[in-house]
Amino acid sequence: MSFVNGIGCDLRAVEAGLTLPFSSGAVEGQVNRIKMLKRQMFGRAGLALLRKRVLLAT
């Protein structure tokens, strides 16, 4: 499936994304920050420390 065909299949969602004033930017920023923390801590510590870092960073 090409990019254009994919957009055509989901035309209502594309129109809504371009016309409505809502944005998921804040949510995406938080997800990006958490992924960065996970990458930094890979192989170093367990879930308990990751949880503390995520909660303290907010």
N, C-alpha and C. Protein backbone atom coordinates (compact mmCIF):
# COMPACT_ATOMS: atom_id res chain seq x y z
N MET A 1 0.85 -1.17 0.00
CA MET A 1 0.00 0.00 0.00
C MET A 1 0.90 1.24 0.00
N SER A 2 0.62 2.16 -0.87
CA SER A 2 1.42 3.37 -0.95
C SER A 2 0.93 4.40 0.06
N PHE A 3 1.73 5.42 0.25
CA PHE A 3 1.39 6.49 1.19
C PHE A 3 0.07 7.16 0.79
N VAL A 4 -0.08 7.44 -0.49
CA VAL A 4 -1.29 8.12 -0.98
C VAL A 4 -2.52 7.25 -0.77
N ASN A 5 -2.40 5.96 -1.03
CA ASN A 5 -3.54 5.06 -0.80
C ASN A 5 -3.90 5.00 0.67
N GLY A 6 -2.90 5.02 1.54
CA GLY A 6 -3.15 5.01 2.97
C GLY A 6 -3.89 6.25 3.43
N ILE A 7 -3.50 7.40 2.89
CA ILE A 7 -4.20 8.64 3.24
C ILE A 7 -5.63 8.60 2.72
N GLY A 8 -5.81 8.07 1.52
CA GLY A 8 -7.15 7.97 0.94
C GLY A 8 -8.07 7.08 1.77
N CYS A 9 -7.51 6.01 2.32
CA CYS A 9 -8.33 5.10 3.13
C CYS A 9 -8.75 5.72 4.45
N ASP A 10 -7.96 6.66 4.95
CA ASP A 10 -8.24 7.27 6.24
C ASP A 10 -8.45 8.78 6.09
N LEU A 11 -9.18 9.15 5.07
CA LEU A 11 -9.35 10.56 4.71
C LEU A 11 -10.01 11.37 5.83
N ARG A 12 -10.97 10.81 6.52
CA ARG A 12 -11.65 11.56 7.60
C ARG A 12 -10.67 11.92 8.71
N ALA A 13 -9.77 11.00 9.06
CA ALA A 13 -8.79 11.28 10.11
C ALA A 13 -7.80 12.35 9.65
N VAL A 14 -7.41 12.31 8.40
CA VAL A 14 -6.49 13.32 7.86
C VAL A 14 -7.15 14.68 7.88
N GLU A 15 -8.39 14.77 7.44
CA GLU A 15 -9.11 16.05 7.45
C GLU A 15 -9.25 16.59 8.87
N ALA A 16 -9.57 15.72 9.83
CA ALA A 16 -9.72 16.15 11.21
C ALA A 16 -8.38 16.65 11.76
N GLY A 17 -7.30 15.97 11.43
CA GLY A 17 -5.98 16.38 11.91
C GLY A 17 -5.55 17.73 11.37
N LEU A 18 -6.00 18.06 10.18
CA LEU A 18 -5.61 19.33 9.57
C LEU A 18 -6.54 20.48 9.92
N THR A 19 -7.76 20.19 10.33
CA THR A 19 -8.73 21.27 10.55
C THR A 19 -9.06 21.53 12.01
N LEU A 20 -8.97 20.54 12.89
CA LEU A 20 -9.34 20.73 14.28
C LEU A 20 -8.20 21.37 15.07
N PRO A 21 -8.54 22.15 16.10
CA PRO A 21 -7.50 22.84 16.87
C PRO A 21 -6.80 21.97 17.91
N PHE A 22 -7.17 20.70 18.02
CA PHE A 22 -6.59 19.83 19.03
C PHE A 22 -5.23 19.32 18.58
N SER A 23 -4.36 19.05 19.56
CA SER A 23 -3.03 18.54 19.26
C SER A 23 -2.63 17.52 20.31
N SER A 24 -1.89 16.50 19.89
CA SER A 24 -1.38 15.51 20.84
C SER A 24 0.09 15.77 21.14
N GLY A 25 0.55 16.98 20.88
CA GLY A 25 1.96 17.33 21.07
C GLY A 25 2.43 17.14 22.49
N ALA A 26 1.62 17.52 23.46
CA ALA A 26 2.02 17.40 24.87
C ALA A 26 2.20 15.93 25.26
N VAL A 27 1.30 15.09 24.81
CA VAL A 27 1.39 13.66 25.11
C VAL A 27 2.62 13.07 24.45
N GLU A 28 2.85 13.42 23.19
CA GLU A 28 4.01 12.90 22.46
C GLU A 28 5.31 13.33 23.13
N GLY A 29 5.33 14.55 23.66
CA GLY A 29 6.53 15.02 24.36
C GLY A 29 6.82 14.20 25.60
N GLN A 30 5.78 13.84 26.35
CA GLN A 30 5.97 13.02 27.55
C GLN A 30 6.45 11.62 27.19
N VAL A 31 5.88 11.05 26.13
CA VAL A 31 6.30 9.71 25.69
C VAL A 31 7.77 9.75 25.26
N ASN A 32 8.15 10.78 24.53
CA ASN A 32 9.53 10.92 24.08
C ASN A 32 10.48 11.02 25.27
N ARG A 33 10.09 11.78 26.29
CA ARG A 33 10.94 11.95 27.48
C ARG A 33 11.11 10.63 28.22
N ILE A 34 10.04 9.87 28.36
CA ILE A 34 10.11 8.58 29.06
C ILE A 34 10.98 7.60 28.27
N LYS A 35 10.86 7.59 26.95
CA LYS A 35 11.69 6.71 26.14
C LYS A 35 13.16 7.07 26.28
N MET A 36 13.47 8.37 26.35
CA MET A 36 14.85 8.80 26.53
C MET A 36 15.40 8.31 27.87
N LEU A 37 14.60 8.41 28.92
CA LEU A 37 15.03 7.92 30.24
C LEU A 37 15.28 6.42 30.20
N LYS A 38 14.42 5.69 29.54
CA LYS A 38 14.60 4.24 29.44
C LYS A 38 15.90 3.90 28.70
N ARG A 39 16.19 4.63 27.62
CA ARG A 39 17.42 4.38 26.86
C ARG A 39 18.65 4.69 27.69
N GLN A 40 18.60 5.76 28.47
CA GLN A 40 19.74 6.14 29.31
C GLN A 40 20.02 5.09 30.38
N MET A 41 18.97 4.45 30.88
CA MET A 41 19.13 3.52 32.00
C MET A 41 19.22 2.07 31.56
N PHE A 42 19.25 1.80 30.27
CA PHE A 42 19.23 0.42 29.79
C PHE A 42 20.39 -0.38 30.39
N GLY A 43 20.07 -1.48 31.05
CA GLY A 43 21.09 -2.37 31.62
C GLY A 43 21.71 -1.90 32.91
N ARG A 44 21.26 -0.78 33.44
CA ARG A 44 21.89 -0.23 34.64
C ARG A 44 21.10 -0.47 35.91
N ALA A 45 19.79 -0.43 35.80
CA ALA A 45 18.98 -0.51 37.01
C ALA A 45 17.64 -1.16 36.69
N GLY A 46 16.90 -1.45 37.71
CA GLY A 46 15.61 -2.10 37.53
C GLY A 46 14.47 -1.14 37.37
N LEU A 47 13.29 -1.69 37.39
CA LEU A 47 12.07 -0.93 37.18
C LEU A 47 11.83 0.08 38.30
N ALA A 48 12.24 -0.24 39.52
CA ALA A 48 12.00 0.67 40.65
C ALA A 48 12.70 2.01 40.44
N LEU A 49 13.96 1.98 39.99
CA LEU A 49 14.68 3.23 39.77
C LEU A 49 14.12 3.99 38.57
N LEU A 50 13.76 3.27 37.52
CA LEU A 50 13.16 3.92 36.36
C LEU A 50 11.87 4.64 36.78
N ARG A 51 11.07 3.99 37.58
CA ARG A 51 9.82 4.61 38.03
C ARG A 51 10.09 5.88 38.83
N LYS A 52 11.07 5.84 39.71
CA LYS A 52 11.41 7.04 40.49
C LYS A 52 11.86 8.17 39.59
N ARG A 53 12.69 7.87 38.58
CA ARG A 53 13.16 8.91 37.69
C ARG A 53 12.03 9.52 36.87
N VAL A 54 11.11 8.67 36.41
CA VAL A 54 9.99 9.17 35.62
C VAL A 54 9.10 10.06 36.47
N LEU A 55 8.79 9.63 37.69
CA LEU A 55 7.90 10.40 38.55
C LEU A 55 8.55 11.67 39.07
N LEU A 56 9.84 11.65 39.35
CA LEU A 56 10.52 12.84 39.87
C LEU A 56 10.79 13.87 38.77
N ALA A 57 10.87 13.44 37.54
CA ALA A 57 11.19 14.34 36.46
C ALA A 57 10.00 15.21 36.05
N THR A 58 8.81 14.88 36.50
CA THR A 58 7.62 15.65 36.09
C THR A 58 7.42 16.86 36.94
